[in-house]
Amino acid sequence: MLTLKGLDKTFQPGTASAHHALCGLDLTLKDGEFVTVIGSNGAGKSTLFGAIAGSFFVDRGHIL
C-alpha cells in the first residue's frame, strides 16, 4: 500500500522564483492497484516520484 497525505513541495521558497510543485496532494493506492500519472511540463510528475523514492524531503505531509 502507498499513502500520500497532504504533500507540499516548493522549490526556491521565499523568492520571486518560488515554484509550488506539490500542493496538498493526497493519494492512496492499495496492493495490486496502479495509476498512470500524466500532465504537462512542470506539472510535478517527476517531483512526485522523487518524493516517493526519497530523493528529497517534502515541505509538509507524509508518505506511508
N, C-alpha and C. Protein backbone atom coordinates (compact mmCIF):
# COMPACT_ATOMS: atom_id res chain seq x y z
N MET A 1 0.84 -1.18 0.00
CA MET A 1 0.00 0.00 0.00
C MET A 1 0.89 1.25 0.00
N LEU A 2 0.44 2.25 -0.69
CA LEU A 2 1.12 3.55 -0.71
C LEU A 2 0.11 4.62 -0.36
N THR A 3 0.43 5.43 0.64
CA THR A 3 -0.46 6.52 1.03
C THR A 3 0.34 7.81 1.10
N LEU A 4 -0.15 8.82 0.41
CA LEU A 4 0.42 10.17 0.46
C LEU A 4 -0.63 11.07 1.10
N LYS A 5 -0.22 11.81 2.10
CA LYS A 5 -1.16 12.68 2.82
C LYS A 5 -0.65 14.11 2.86
N GLY A 6 -1.32 15.00 2.19
CA GLY A 6 -1.04 16.43 2.27
C GLY A 6 0.35 16.84 1.84
N LEU A 7 0.88 16.23 0.78
CA LEU A 7 2.24 16.54 0.36
C LEU A 7 2.34 17.94 -0.23
N ASP A 8 3.30 18.69 0.26
CA ASP A 8 3.63 20.03 -0.26
C ASP A 8 5.12 20.06 -0.54
N LYS A 9 5.48 20.62 -1.68
CA LYS A 9 6.89 20.84 -2.01
C LYS A 9 6.99 22.13 -2.81
N THR A 10 7.82 23.05 -2.32
CA THR A 10 8.08 24.31 -3.01
C THR A 10 9.58 24.42 -3.25
N PHE A 11 9.93 24.67 -4.48
CA PHE A 11 11.33 24.89 -4.82
C PHE A 11 11.62 26.38 -4.76
N GLN A 12 12.75 26.76 -4.22
CA GLN A 12 13.18 28.15 -4.03
C GLN A 12 12.14 28.97 -3.27
N PRO A 13 11.70 28.47 -2.10
CA PRO A 13 10.69 29.19 -1.33
C PRO A 13 11.18 30.56 -0.88
N GLY A 14 10.27 31.50 -0.80
CA GLY A 14 10.60 32.84 -0.32
C GLY A 14 11.28 33.72 -1.34
N THR A 15 11.35 33.26 -2.57
CA THR A 15 11.97 34.06 -3.63
C THR A 15 10.94 34.35 -4.71
N ALA A 16 11.29 35.25 -5.61
CA ALA A 16 10.41 35.55 -6.74
C ALA A 16 10.30 34.37 -7.69
N SER A 17 11.25 33.44 -7.59
CA SER A 17 11.25 32.25 -8.45
C SER A 17 10.61 31.03 -7.80
N ALA A 18 9.93 31.22 -6.67
CA ALA A 18 9.32 30.09 -5.96
C ALA A 18 8.37 29.34 -6.89
N HIS A 19 8.46 28.00 -6.82
CA HIS A 19 7.60 27.16 -7.65
C HIS A 19 6.98 26.08 -6.77
N HIS A 20 5.65 26.10 -6.67
CA HIS A 20 4.92 25.10 -5.89
C HIS A 20 4.69 23.89 -6.78
N ALA A 21 5.45 22.83 -6.52
CA ALA A 21 5.36 21.64 -7.36
C ALA A 21 4.29 20.67 -6.87
N LEU A 22 4.12 20.54 -5.57
CA LEU A 22 3.08 19.71 -4.98
C LEU A 22 2.34 20.55 -3.95
N CYS A 23 1.03 20.55 -4.03
CA CYS A 23 0.23 21.38 -3.13
C CYS A 23 -0.90 20.56 -2.52
N GLY A 24 -0.67 20.03 -1.33
CA GLY A 24 -1.72 19.30 -0.61
C GLY A 24 -2.14 18.01 -1.28
N LEU A 25 -1.21 17.30 -1.87
CA LEU A 25 -1.51 16.08 -2.62
C LEU A 25 -1.86 14.92 -1.69
N ASP A 26 -3.00 14.29 -1.95
CA ASP A 26 -3.43 13.09 -1.24
C ASP A 26 -3.63 11.98 -2.26
N LEU A 27 -3.14 10.78 -1.94
CA LEU A 27 -3.30 9.62 -2.82
C LEU A 27 -3.16 8.36 -1.99
N THR A 28 -4.05 7.39 -2.25
CA THR A 28 -3.94 6.09 -1.62
C THR A 28 -4.05 5.03 -2.70
N LEU A 29 -3.04 4.16 -2.76
CA LEU A 29 -3.05 3.02 -3.68
C LEU A 29 -2.97 1.76 -2.84
N LYS A 30 -3.91 0.86 -3.05
CA LYS A 30 -3.92 -0.41 -2.33
C LYS A 30 -3.04 -1.41 -3.08
N ASP A 31 -2.67 -2.49 -2.41
CA ASP A 31 -1.87 -3.55 -3.03
C ASP A 31 -2.54 -4.01 -4.32
N GLY A 32 -1.77 -4.08 -5.40
CA GLY A 32 -2.27 -4.54 -6.68
C GLY A 32 -2.84 -3.45 -7.56
N GLU A 33 -3.07 -2.27 -7.02
CA GLU A 33 -3.58 -1.16 -7.83
C GLU A 33 -2.41 -0.47 -8.53
N PHE A 34 -2.72 0.19 -9.62
CA PHE A 34 -1.71 1.00 -10.30
C PHE A 34 -2.36 2.27 -10.79
N VAL A 35 -1.53 3.23 -11.11
CA VAL A 35 -2.02 4.52 -11.58
C VAL A 35 -1.08 5.03 -12.66
N THR A 36 -1.63 5.76 -13.60
CA THR A 36 -0.84 6.43 -14.62
C THR A 36 -0.86 7.92 -14.32
N VAL A 37 0.29 8.52 -14.27
CA VAL A 37 0.40 9.95 -13.96
C VAL A 37 0.74 10.69 -15.26
N ILE A 38 -0.13 11.59 -15.66
CA ILE A 38 0.10 12.38 -16.87
C ILE A 38 -0.03 13.86 -16.53
N GLY A 39 0.58 14.69 -17.33
CA GLY A 39 0.48 16.13 -17.13
C GLY A 39 1.50 16.84 -18.00
N SER A 40 1.32 18.12 -18.12
CA SER A 40 2.22 18.93 -18.94
C SER A 40 3.56 19.13 -18.23
N ASN A 41 4.49 19.73 -18.95
CA ASN A 41 5.79 20.05 -18.36
C ASN A 41 5.59 20.95 -17.15
N GLY A 42 6.29 20.63 -16.08
CA GLY A 42 6.20 21.45 -14.87
C GLY A 42 5.01 21.15 -13.99
N ALA A 43 4.27 20.09 -14.29
CA ALA A 43 3.08 19.76 -13.50
C ALA A 43 3.39 19.10 -12.17
N GLY A 44 4.63 18.57 -12.00
CA GLY A 44 5.02 17.96 -10.74
C GLY A 44 5.15 16.45 -10.77
N LYS A 45 5.10 15.85 -11.95
CA LYS A 45 5.20 14.39 -12.06
C LYS A 45 6.53 13.87 -11.51
N SER A 46 7.63 14.43 -11.97
CA SER A 46 8.95 13.98 -11.50
C SER A 46 9.15 14.31 -10.03
N THR A 47 8.60 15.42 -9.58
CA THR A 47 8.69 15.79 -8.17
C THR A 47 7.95 14.76 -7.32
N LEU A 48 6.78 14.34 -7.77
CA LEU A 48 6.02 13.31 -7.07
C LEU A 48 6.82 12.03 -6.92
N PHE A 49 7.39 11.55 -8.02
CA PHE A 49 8.14 10.29 -7.97
C PHE A 49 9.44 10.45 -7.18
N GLY A 50 10.07 11.61 -7.26
CA GLY A 50 11.27 11.86 -6.46
C GLY A 50 10.97 11.85 -4.98
N ALA A 51 9.82 12.40 -4.60
CA ALA A 51 9.43 12.40 -3.18
C ALA A 51 9.16 10.98 -2.70
N ILE A 52 8.45 10.19 -3.50
CA ILE A 52 8.15 8.81 -3.13
C ILE A 52 9.44 8.00 -3.00
N ALA A 53 10.37 8.23 -3.92
CA ALA A 53 11.64 7.49 -3.92
C ALA A 53 12.58 7.94 -2.81
N GLY A 54 12.31 9.09 -2.19
CA GLY A 54 13.17 9.59 -1.13
C GLY A 54 14.35 10.40 -1.63
N SER A 55 14.26 10.90 -2.86
CA SER A 55 15.35 11.71 -3.42
C SER A 55 15.50 13.05 -2.70
N PHE A 56 14.43 13.52 -2.09
CA PHE A 56 14.44 14.76 -1.32
C PHE A 56 13.28 14.72 -0.33
N PHE A 57 13.29 15.62 0.63
CA PHE A 57 12.22 15.71 1.60
C PHE A 57 11.14 16.66 1.10
N VAL A 58 9.90 16.36 1.44
CA VAL A 58 8.80 17.27 1.15
C VAL A 58 8.73 18.31 2.27
N ASP A 59 8.10 19.44 1.99
CA ASP A 59 7.98 20.50 2.98
C ASP A 59 6.94 20.15 4.06
N ARG A 60 5.87 19.51 3.64
CA ARG A 60 4.80 19.10 4.55
C ARG A 60 4.19 17.78 4.04
N GLY A 61 3.56 17.07 4.93
CA GLY A 61 2.87 15.86 4.57
C GLY A 61 3.64 14.61 4.94
N HIS A 62 3.02 13.48 4.63
CA HIS A 62 3.58 12.18 4.99
C HIS A 62 3.46 11.20 3.82
N ILE A 63 4.46 10.35 3.70
CA ILE A 63 4.46 9.26 2.73
C ILE A 63 4.55 7.97 3.54
N LEU A 64 3.53 7.15 3.40
CA LEU A 64 3.46 5.90 4.17
C LEU A 64 3.42 4.71 3.22
